[in-house]
Protein backbone atom coordinates (compact mmCIF):
# COMPACT_ATOMS: atom_id res chain seq x y z
CA MET A 1 52.20 4.82 10.90
CA ASP A 2 51.26 4.97 7.24
CA SER A 3 48.80 7.60 6.20
CA ALA A 4 45.82 6.89 3.96
CA THR A 5 47.51 8.71 1.13
CA SER A 6 50.97 7.14 1.40
CA HIS A 7 50.21 5.06 -1.68
CA GLY A 8 48.74 7.98 -3.60
CA CYS A 9 45.03 7.30 -3.15
CA ALA A 10 42.25 7.66 -0.63
CA ASP A 11 38.64 6.92 -1.44
CA ALA A 12 35.55 8.81 -0.35
CA CYS A 13 34.70 6.22 2.32
CA THR A 14 37.96 6.95 4.11
CA PHE A 15 37.08 10.61 4.39
CA LEU A 16 33.46 9.91 5.35
CA VAL A 17 34.52 7.70 8.25
CA ALA A 18 37.17 10.20 9.32
CA MET A 19 34.66 13.06 9.33
CA ASP A 20 31.96 11.17 11.22
CA VAL A 21 33.91 10.11 14.30
CA GLY A 22 32.00 11.29 17.34
CA LEU A 23 30.99 14.67 15.98
CA GLN A 24 27.54 16.14 15.86
CA GLU A 25 28.07 18.66 13.08
CA PHE A 26 24.55 19.97 12.79
CA ILE A 27 21.99 21.88 14.77
CA TYR A 28 18.30 21.86 14.07
CA ASN A 29 16.45 25.05 13.27
CA ASP A 30 14.22 24.69 16.33
CA ASN A 31 17.33 24.80 18.54
CA CYS A 32 18.52 27.93 16.73
CA SER A 33 15.15 29.61 17.10
CA ALA A 34 15.06 28.88 20.83
CA LEU A 35 18.62 30.16 21.34
CA ALA A 36 17.95 33.31 19.31
CA SER A 37 14.47 33.89 20.79
CA THR A 38 12.93 34.06 17.33
CA SER A 39 10.35 32.00 15.49
CA LEU A 40 11.18 28.75 13.72
CA LYS A 41 9.63 30.16 10.56
CA GLN A 42 11.99 33.16 10.66
CA VAL A 43 15.08 30.96 11.22
CA SER A 44 14.09 28.70 8.32
CA LYS A 45 13.53 31.75 6.12
CA MET A 46 16.97 33.13 7.02
CA GLU A 47 18.59 29.73 6.36
CA LEU A 48 17.06 29.58 2.88
CA GLY A 49 18.22 33.13 2.24
CA VAL A 50 21.81 32.24 3.12
CA LEU A 51 21.72 29.09 0.99
CA ASN A 52 20.28 31.03 -1.95
CA ALA A 53 22.92 33.74 -1.56
CA MET A 54 25.64 31.09 -1.66
CA LYS A 55 23.99 29.46 -4.68
CA VAL A 56 24.49 26.19 -2.84
CA GLU A 57 22.34 24.09 -5.17
CA ALA A 58 24.44 24.99 -8.20
CA TRP A 59 27.65 24.40 -6.24
CA ILE A 60 26.54 20.94 -5.07
CA ALA A 61 25.48 19.93 -8.57
CA ARG A 62 28.77 21.12 -10.10
CA ASP A 63 30.84 19.49 -7.35
CA SER A 64 28.94 16.20 -7.65
CA MET A 65 29.44 16.03 -11.40
CA LYS A 66 33.17 16.70 -11.09
CA LYS A 67 33.52 13.82 -8.65
CA PHE A 68 31.11 11.42 -10.36
CA CYS A 69 33.85 9.02 -11.38
CA THR A 70 37.00 8.76 -9.35
CA TYR A 71 40.22 7.46 -10.82
CA ASN A 72 39.59 4.01 -9.30
CA GLU A 73 36.04 3.79 -10.64
CA THR A 74 37.25 4.82 -14.09
CA ALA A 75 40.03 2.21 -14.05
CA VAL A 76 37.62 -0.57 -13.03
CA LEU A 77 35.07 0.54 -15.61
CA LEU A 78 37.66 0.61 -18.39
CA SER A 79 38.96 -2.85 -17.48
CA ARG A 80 35.45 -4.28 -17.59
CA ILE A 81 34.50 -2.51 -20.81
CA SER A 82 37.66 -3.65 -22.59
CA SER A 83 36.69 -7.30 -22.05
CA TYR A 84 33.39 -6.62 -23.84
CA LEU A 85 35.01 -4.68 -26.67
CA ILE A 86 37.51 -7.38 -27.65
CA VAL A 87 36.04 -9.19 -30.64
């Protein structure tokens, strides 16, 4: 069976579908607070502390900008722009 990358490319949709098959990858803070016998406010505060320590907002912004245009998007964009630039 051919893999998704046998031809040298795999788009984001391929990975999104592969990651989302039958998995519940999250747990709500109210579940955590009940399991840990602590308040929801405290769990939310701890979650924000962890995210701030990881500087997750800066990481997401940097990662998103790096992946803004994939190779395929760039190739399509260039082919469409070149038709407008020819005078």
